Amino acid sequence: MPLSKYYKIAIPLLILVLISIWGILFFNKTLSTVADNKEEIKPFLDVFFESRGNVLLSGNIKDIEKYYDTANTYGKWALEHEMRRINYVKGWSEKRNLKFTEAQSIYRIKSIKVGEQSIWLYLVETMKMGYEYNVKPNIINYMGLGIRHSIQLVKVDGKWVIRRDWYYDPLDEDSAFIDISPADGIAPEISPANSTPAGDSQNKKKGNYDREGAVRYADTYAGAAWGSGNNYEYNKKYRDYNGVGGDCTNFASQVLHEGGGLKMDYVWNFNGRDSSTAWAQAPALFNYLIYNGKGRLIAQGTYTNMVKPSDTHPAGAIRELQKGDLICYEEKGEIVHFGVVTGFDSYGIPVVNTHTSDRYHVPFDLGWDKKVIYRFIHIND
């Protein structure tokens, strides 16, 4: 073989080998850098999430101020978000005549990007909260939340602090209203002596709709929320609509079909890759259920309207909900969210499971504004 032809073959091969070696070394260095930074920031994150839970109980925002870069505008905004969250939870618990007894979180880092001046983290927080009603002390109700964070950490004076923390919050952010405030207190007609909902005794009856199966599915696939199964993951069989409009309606449809046994049809379906409008969009699912007879609208109104007795609902519309029923959330005239009724707490208040803001057995109005309109939907057996 002529020497020139040999060089034409050998030089590209040599370049390819050198590029491969550089790539392997760079990849290994990147892995090492990420691992080193994970170990460095883990003590900070451990203390931060523990303190953040404690502040929800104490209400003292000063206990977490030191974890934020308050010299930066974004850091101030992140801290202000926590303050709004704490104030909302405090106000809601006072109006509902209860107190939170614990708030504990674990977190899992999903991805990490190391820059010259900061670290970006995408992590999932799984939170367990306990609460008891003042009129029924020593009966602890437990609920779970799943929160996905995008956090930017920076070093200030040699210490890590939070400059940005973006997350969709099950305790505060489910609202189109700027100054979110909880509805006025629990109605006295919801008697603690009668905490078993009227329809609960019927839940064991199995007809066209399997209520217990619906609840089992909702509990298994409640996502990142404490209490859920499936290793805190959604059902991989279905598309995840987080980031493209939200996954709450998709989840409600899964519960009705996979858990409750309702059959798909040409209007309401998932084809293995995508879903129909009625399957995944909240207004369309509401119309589908009501107008084809699979569901019945019990009542609609504000929180106060739904819990107080009326001529149509002598014990309050809230008393007519059963496990496996759905709750619609309407803001400014638009249906924006669905929750699945998965049980009732010690005071008889319906608790729900949801996606997007992942919830497990959370009181149905927690995180929502006093102006929200609720639509209670009974799924026909």
Protein backbone atom coordinates (compact mmCIF):
# COMPACT_ATOMS: atom_id res chain seq x y z
CA MET A 1 0.00 0.00 0.00
CA PRO A 2 1.43 3.45 -0.91
CA LEU A 3 2.47 5.54 2.08
CA SER A 4 0.06 8.35 1.21
CA LYS A 5 -2.88 5.94 1.22
CA TYR A 6 -1.70 4.55 4.58
CA TYR A 7 -1.73 8.06 6.09
CA LYS A 8 -5.17 8.75 4.66
CA ILE A 9 -6.49 5.76 6.63
CA ALA A 10 -4.34 5.98 9.76
CA ILE A 11 -4.69 9.69 10.54
CA PRO A 12 -8.53 9.69 10.70
CA LEU A 13 -8.41 6.55 12.83
CA LEU A 14 -5.90 8.15 15.17
CA ILE A 15 -8.06 11.29 15.46
CA LEU A 16 -11.10 9.12 16.19
CA VAL A 17 -9.20 7.24 18.93
CA LEU A 18 -7.98 10.50 20.50
CA ILE A 19 -11.50 11.96 20.44
CA SER A 20 -12.87 8.77 22.04
CA ILE A 21 -10.23 8.86 24.80
CA TRP A 22 -10.94 12.56 25.44
CA GLY A 23 -14.68 11.85 25.54
CA ILE A 24 -14.26 9.04 28.06
CA LEU A 25 -11.98 11.15 30.26
CA PHE A 26 -14.35 14.13 30.05
CA PHE A 27 -17.37 11.94 30.84
CA ASN A 28 -15.63 10.35 33.81
CA LYS A 29 -14.55 13.78 35.07
CA THR A 30 -18.10 15.08 34.70
CA LEU A 31 -19.47 12.11 36.64
CA SER A 32 -16.88 12.69 39.34
CA THR A 33 -17.70 16.42 39.52
CA VAL A 34 -21.42 15.74 39.81
CA ALA A 35 -20.84 13.07 42.46
CA ASP A 36 -18.56 15.38 44.43
CA ASN A 37 -21.09 18.18 44.33
CA LYS A 38 -23.91 15.86 45.36
CA GLU A 39 -21.94 14.91 48.43
CA GLU A 40 -21.14 18.55 49.16
CA ILE A 41 -24.70 19.85 48.89
CA LYS A 42 -26.46 16.89 50.53
CA PRO A 43 -25.90 18.15 54.14
CA PHE A 44 -27.32 21.54 53.13
CA LEU A 45 -30.39 19.98 51.49
CA ASP A 46 -30.98 17.64 54.44
CA VAL A 47 -31.06 20.52 56.92
CA PHE A 48 -33.04 22.78 54.58
CA PHE A 49 -35.91 20.35 53.99
CA GLU A 50 -36.09 19.46 57.68
CA SER A 51 -36.25 23.15 58.61
CA ARG A 52 -38.78 23.87 55.88
CA GLY A 53 -41.13 21.26 57.32
CA ASN A 54 -40.68 22.56 60.86
CA VAL A 55 -41.54 26.10 59.77
CA LEU A 56 -44.87 24.91 58.39
CA LEU A 57 -45.70 23.87 61.96
CA SER A 58 -44.19 26.83 63.81
CA GLY A 59 -45.04 29.56 61.31
CA ASN A 60 -41.71 31.28 62.04
CA ILE A 61 -40.28 32.26 58.65
CA LYS A 62 -37.07 33.55 60.27
CA ASP A 63 -36.01 29.95 60.87
CA ILE A 64 -35.38 29.45 57.15
CA GLU A 65 -34.31 32.94 56.01
CA LYS A 66 -30.63 31.99 56.24
CA TYR A 67 -31.04 29.37 53.54
CA TYR A 68 -31.93 31.95 50.85
CA ASP A 69 -29.84 34.40 48.87
CA THR A 70 -31.86 37.41 49.99
CA ALA A 71 -29.32 39.83 48.49
CA ASN A 72 -30.62 38.67 45.10
CA THR A 73 -34.10 39.48 43.73
CA TYR A 74 -34.79 35.85 42.84
CA GLY A 75 -33.73 34.74 46.32
CA LYS A 76 -36.15 37.26 47.86
CA TRP A 77 -38.97 35.96 45.66
CA ALA A 78 -38.22 32.37 46.67
CA LEU A 79 -38.40 33.31 50.35
CA GLU A 80 -41.60 35.31 49.81
CA HIS A 81 -43.18 32.23 48.24
CA GLU A 82 -42.41 30.28 51.40
CA MET A 83 -43.93 33.08 53.48
CA ARG A 84 -47.17 33.00 51.44
CA ARG A 85 -47.28 29.25 51.78
CA ILE A 86 -46.81 29.36 55.55
CA ASN A 87 -49.46 32.08 55.95
CA TYR A 88 -51.96 30.17 53.84
CA VAL A 89 -51.47 26.92 55.79
CA LYS A 90 -51.76 28.81 59.07
CA GLY A 91 -54.97 30.53 57.95
CA TRP A 92 -56.49 27.34 56.55
CA SER A 93 -55.80 25.32 59.69
CA GLU A 94 -57.33 28.04 61.90
CA LYS A 95 -60.48 28.20 59.77
CA ARG A 96 -60.81 24.40 59.76
CA ASN A 97 -60.29 24.25 63.56
CA LEU A 98 -57.33 21.89 63.34
CA LYS A 99 -53.60 21.87 63.84
CA PHE A 100 -50.78 20.20 61.96
CA THR A 101 -48.77 17.79 64.06
CA GLU A 102 -45.93 16.85 61.73
CA ALA A 103 -44.37 17.70 58.39
CA GLN A 104 -41.53 15.52 57.19
CA SER A 105 -39.90 15.27 53.78
CA ILE A 106 -37.54 13.06 51.86
CA TYR A 107 -36.10 14.14 48.52
CA ARG A 108 -34.57 12.49 45.48
CA ILE A 109 -32.22 14.32 43.13
CA LYS A 110 -33.29 13.52 39.57
CA SER A 111 -30.68 15.59 37.75
CA ILE A 112 -27.88 18.00 38.54
CA LYS A 113 -26.11 20.56 36.36
CA VAL A 114 -22.87 22.02 37.66
CA GLY A 115 -21.90 25.48 36.45
CA GLU A 116 -18.99 27.76 37.25
CA GLN A 117 -20.93 29.86 39.76
CA SER A 118 -23.93 27.72 40.72
CA ILE A 119 -25.58 24.31 40.76
CA TRP A 120 -28.99 23.60 39.23
CA LEU A 121 -30.96 20.72 40.71
CA TYR A 122 -34.12 19.01 39.62
CA LEU A 123 -35.40 17.08 42.62
CA VAL A 124 -38.63 15.54 43.85
CA GLU A 125 -39.81 16.11 47.42
CA THR A 126 -42.09 13.54 49.04
CA MET A 127 -43.82 15.03 52.06
CA LYS A 128 -45.84 13.46 54.87
CA MET A 129 -48.09 15.68 56.98
CA GLY A 130 -50.27 14.88 59.98
CA TYR A 131 -53.15 16.92 61.39
CA GLU A 132 -55.77 16.61 64.12
CA TYR A 133 -59.03 18.48 64.71
CA ASN A 134 -59.25 20.44 67.94
CA VAL A 135 -62.62 18.85 68.70
CA LYS A 136 -61.20 15.36 68.09
CA PRO A 137 -57.73 15.44 69.64
CA ASN A 138 -55.37 12.47 69.48
CA ILE A 139 -56.83 11.23 66.18
CA ILE A 140 -54.11 11.97 63.64
CA ASN A 141 -54.98 12.16 59.96
CA TYR A 142 -52.12 11.64 57.53
CA MET A 143 -51.78 13.00 54.04
CA GLY A 144 -49.06 13.07 51.40
CA LEU A 145 -47.72 15.66 48.97
CA GLY A 146 -45.38 15.38 46.01
CA ILE A 147 -43.47 18.51 44.95
CA ARG A 148 -41.09 18.82 41.98
CA HIS A 149 -38.42 21.47 42.49
CA SER A 150 -36.03 23.26 40.14
CA ILE A 151 -33.47 24.76 42.51
CA GLN A 152 -30.46 26.97 41.85
CA LEU A 153 -27.80 26.92 44.57
CA VAL A 154 -25.02 29.49 44.83
CA LYS A 155 -22.20 29.99 47.31
CA VAL A 156 -22.20 33.16 49.38
CA ASP A 157 -19.38 33.65 51.88
CA GLY A 158 -18.44 30.02 51.48
CA LYS A 159 -21.95 28.67 52.22
CA TRP A 160 -24.60 27.28 49.92
CA VAL A 161 -27.83 29.27 49.67
CA ILE A 162 -30.90 29.08 47.45
CA ARG A 163 -31.22 31.69 44.73
CA ARG A 164 -34.16 30.12 42.89
CA ASP A 165 -36.70 27.49 43.86
CA TRP A 166 -39.43 26.94 41.28
CA TYR A 167 -42.12 24.41 42.11
CA TYR A 168 -45.83 23.75 41.75
CA ASP A 169 -47.12 23.64 45.30
CA PRO A 170 -50.03 21.46 46.49
CA LEU A 171 -50.36 23.74 49.54
CA ASP A 172 -50.65 27.07 47.79
CA GLU A 173 -50.34 27.33 44.04
CA ASP A 174 -53.51 25.70 42.69
CA SER A 175 -55.12 29.03 42.12
CA ALA A 176 -55.62 31.64 39.43
CA PHE A 177 -56.02 34.25 42.16
CA ILE A 178 -53.03 36.35 43.14
CA ASP A 179 -53.74 36.71 46.85
CA ILE A 180 -54.89 33.20 47.66
CA SER A 181 -56.88 32.90 50.87
CA PRO A 182 -58.81 29.93 52.28
CA ALA A 183 -62.58 29.88 52.59
CA ASP A 184 -64.18 30.58 55.95
CA GLY A 185 -64.29 27.86 58.57
CA ILE A 186 -65.82 24.46 58.73
CA ALA A 187 -69.61 24.46 58.98
CA PRO A 188 -71.01 23.35 62.38
CA GLU A 189 -73.51 21.15 60.55
CA ILE A 190 -70.69 18.74 59.71
CA SER A 191 -70.88 17.09 63.09
CA PRO A 192 -67.86 15.20 64.48
CA ALA A 193 -70.34 12.77 66.01
CA ASN A 194 -71.49 11.82 62.53
CA SER A 195 -68.17 11.56 60.75
CA THR A 196 -69.11 8.62 58.52
CA PRO A 197 -70.50 9.97 55.24
CA ALA A 198 -74.02 8.86 54.39
CA GLY A 199 -72.88 7.15 51.20
CA ASP A 200 -69.93 5.34 52.75
CA SER A 201 -71.95 2.27 53.73
CA GLN A 202 -72.73 1.75 50.06
CA ASN A 203 -69.11 1.68 48.94
CA LYS A 204 -68.85 -2.11 49.16
CA LYS A 205 -71.59 -2.53 46.60
CA LYS A 206 -70.07 -3.34 43.22
CA GLY A 207 -72.03 -2.47 40.11
CA ASN A 208 -70.82 -1.08 36.80
CA TYR A 209 -68.39 1.09 38.74
CA ASP A 210 -65.95 -0.49 41.21
CA ARG A 211 -65.42 2.20 43.84
CA GLU A 212 -62.90 0.31 45.93
CA GLY A 213 -60.95 -0.56 42.80
CA ALA A 214 -60.92 3.11 41.82
CA VAL A 215 -59.51 4.08 45.22
CA ARG A 216 -56.86 1.32 45.07
CA TYR A 217 -55.69 2.59 41.69
CA ALA A 218 -55.68 6.21 42.86
CA ASP A 219 -53.61 5.27 45.92
CA THR A 220 -51.15 3.16 43.90
CA TYR A 221 -50.44 5.80 41.27
CA ALA A 222 -50.62 9.04 43.29
CA GLY A 223 -47.13 9.87 42.07
CA ALA A 224 -44.53 11.60 44.24
CA ALA A 225 -46.89 12.09 47.20
CA TRP A 226 -46.19 10.27 50.45
CA GLY A 227 -48.50 7.27 50.86
CA SER A 228 -48.65 6.35 47.18
CA GLY A 229 -47.38 3.08 45.74
CA ASN A 230 -45.49 2.15 42.56
CA ASN A 231 -42.24 3.58 43.93
CA TYR A 232 -43.73 7.10 43.77
CA GLU A 233 -44.09 6.90 39.98
CA TYR A 234 -47.04 7.38 37.64
CA ASN A 235 -48.38 4.45 35.61
CA LYS A 236 -45.92 4.19 32.70
CA LYS A 237 -48.65 2.74 30.51
CA TYR A 238 -50.07 6.25 30.13
CA ARG A 239 -48.63 9.49 28.85
CA ASP A 240 -47.60 12.06 31.47
CA TYR A 241 -49.11 15.45 30.65
CA ASN A 242 -47.14 17.43 33.23
CA GLY A 243 -45.62 20.38 31.42
CA VAL A 244 -48.19 20.25 28.61
CA GLY A 245 -51.35 21.30 30.39
CA GLY A 246 -51.25 19.14 33.52
CA ASP A 247 -51.97 15.50 34.33
CA CYS A 248 -54.91 15.77 36.76
CA THR A 249 -57.67 14.92 34.24
CA ASN A 250 -55.63 12.14 32.65
CA PHE A 251 -55.24 10.66 36.14
CA ALA A 252 -58.98 10.94 36.89
CA SER A 253 -59.74 9.11 33.64
CA GLN A 254 -57.26 6.37 34.50
CA VAL A 255 -58.93 5.93 37.89
CA LEU A 256 -62.37 5.61 36.30
CA HIS A 257 -61.19 3.12 33.67
CA GLU A 258 -58.32 1.10 35.18
CA GLY A 259 -59.61 1.10 38.76
CA GLY A 260 -63.34 1.60 38.41
CA GLY A 261 -63.83 -0.50 35.30
CA LEU A 262 -65.63 2.05 33.12
CA LYS A 263 -65.18 1.14 29.47
CA MET A 264 -63.56 3.46 26.94
CA ASP A 265 -65.51 4.55 23.88
CA TYR A 266 -64.85 6.60 20.75
CA VAL A 267 -65.21 9.89 22.69
CA TRP A 268 -63.35 8.98 25.89
CA ASN A 269 -60.20 6.92 25.29
CA PHE A 270 -56.43 6.52 25.37
CA ASN A 271 -54.92 4.74 22.36
CA GLY A 272 -51.54 3.79 23.79
CA ARG A 273 -49.79 6.97 22.63
CA ASP A 274 -52.24 9.81 23.10
CA SER A 275 -55.68 10.48 24.49
CA SER A 276 -58.96 11.97 23.35
CA THR A 277 -59.96 15.45 24.44
CA ALA A 278 -62.55 14.06 26.86
CA TRP A 279 -59.90 11.84 28.46
CA ALA A 280 -57.29 14.49 29.25
CA GLN A 281 -58.93 17.94 29.32
CA ALA A 282 -60.94 18.96 32.39
CA PRO A 283 -63.93 20.79 30.82
CA ALA A 284 -64.35 18.02 28.24
CA LEU A 285 -64.27 15.23 30.84
CA PHE A 286 -66.88 17.03 32.94
CA ASN A 287 -69.21 17.39 29.95
CA TYR A 288 -68.62 13.79 28.90
CA LEU A 289 -69.50 12.38 32.33
CA ILE A 290 -72.60 14.51 32.84
CA TYR A 291 -74.13 14.39 29.37
CA ASN A 292 -73.65 10.69 28.62
CA GLY A 293 -75.01 9.56 31.98
CA LYS A 294 -71.84 8.12 33.52
CA GLY A 295 -71.89 10.84 36.15
CA ARG A 296 -74.35 13.09 37.94
CA LEU A 297 -73.76 16.61 39.21
CA ILE A 298 -74.59 16.60 42.92
CA ALA A 299 -74.12 20.33 43.38
CA GLN A 300 -71.78 23.20 42.60
CA GLY A 301 -70.78 26.25 44.59
CA THR A 302 -68.21 27.75 46.93
CA TYR A 303 -66.87 25.84 49.92
CA THR A 304 -69.53 27.33 52.19
CA ASN A 305 -72.31 26.47 49.73
CA MET A 306 -71.16 22.86 49.55
CA VAL A 307 -70.94 22.19 53.29
CA LYS A 308 -74.04 23.95 54.61
CA PRO A 309 -77.52 22.31 54.64
CA SER A 310 -80.05 23.38 52.04
CA ASP A 311 -83.52 22.30 50.91
CA THR A 312 -81.97 20.21 48.15
CA HIS A 313 -79.21 18.82 50.36
CA PRO A 314 -80.44 18.67 54.00
CA ALA A 315 -77.08 17.42 55.32
CA GLY A 316 -75.03 19.50 52.88
CA ALA A 317 -73.91 18.42 49.41
CA ILE A 318 -70.61 17.31 50.92
CA ARG A 319 -72.46 14.47 52.65
CA GLU A 320 -73.51 12.92 49.33
CA LEU A 321 -70.00 12.24 48.06
CA GLN A 322 -68.74 8.65 48.03
CA LYS A 323 -65.33 7.10 47.53
CA GLY A 324 -64.48 7.06 43.84
CA ASP A 325 -66.53 10.19 43.07
CA LEU A 326 -64.87 13.22 41.50
CA ILE A 327 -64.51 16.86 42.47
CA CYS A 328 -64.16 19.56 39.79
CA TYR A 329 -62.42 22.84 40.53
CA GLU A 330 -63.55 25.97 38.69
CA GLU A 331 -61.76 29.31 38.69
CA LYS A 332 -62.98 32.46 36.97
CA GLY A 333 -65.57 30.46 35.06
CA GLU A 334 -63.17 27.76 33.82
CA ILE A 335 -62.84 24.15 35.00
CA VAL A 336 -59.14 23.77 35.76
CA HIS A 337 -58.67 20.66 37.89
CA PHE A 338 -59.98 17.25 38.98
CA GLY A 339 -59.59 15.37 42.25
CA VAL A 340 -60.59 11.80 43.06
CA VAL A 341 -62.35 11.21 46.39
CA THR A 342 -60.34 8.48 48.13
CA GLY A 343 -61.84 8.62 51.62
CA PHE A 344 -62.90 10.82 54.53
CA ASP A 345 -60.87 12.12 57.45
CA SER A 346 -61.76 11.90 61.15
CA TYR A 347 -64.18 14.84 60.81
CA GLY A 348 -65.90 13.41 57.76
CA ILE A 349 -64.26 15.77 55.26
CA PRO A 350 -63.62 14.21 51.82
CA VAL A 351 -59.94 13.70 50.98
CA VAL A 352 -58.64 13.51 47.43
CA ASN A 353 -55.79 12.17 45.33
CA THR A 354 -54.56 14.22 42.39
CA HIS A 355 -51.78 14.57 39.83
CA THR A 356 -49.75 17.58 38.64
CA SER A 357 -49.68 18.71 42.24
CA ASP A 358 -49.44 15.15 43.54
CA ARG A 359 -51.72 14.59 46.52
CA TYR A 360 -52.57 11.55 48.63
CA HIS A 361 -55.62 11.76 50.97
CA VAL A 362 -55.52 15.57 51.20
CA PRO A 363 -58.63 17.52 52.37
CA PHE A 364 -60.34 18.49 49.13
CA ASP A 365 -60.11 22.28 49.60
CA LEU A 366 -56.56 22.54 50.95
CA GLY A 367 -54.51 24.75 48.65
CA TRP A 368 -57.50 26.44 47.04
CA ASP A 369 -58.84 29.97 47.28
CA LYS A 370 -62.14 30.96 48.87
CA LYS A 371 -63.43 32.06 45.44
CA VAL A 372 -63.08 28.60 43.87
CA ILE A 373 -66.28 26.91 42.69
CA TYR A 374 -66.48 23.18 43.41
CA ARG A 375 -68.51 20.73 41.36
CA PHE A 376 -69.26 17.44 43.11
CA ILE A 377 -69.73 14.60 40.62
CA HIS A 378 -71.25 11.27 41.60
CA ILE A 379 -70.17 8.43 39.31
CA ASN A 380 -73.24 6.33 38.60
CA ASP A 381 -73.05 2.74 39.72
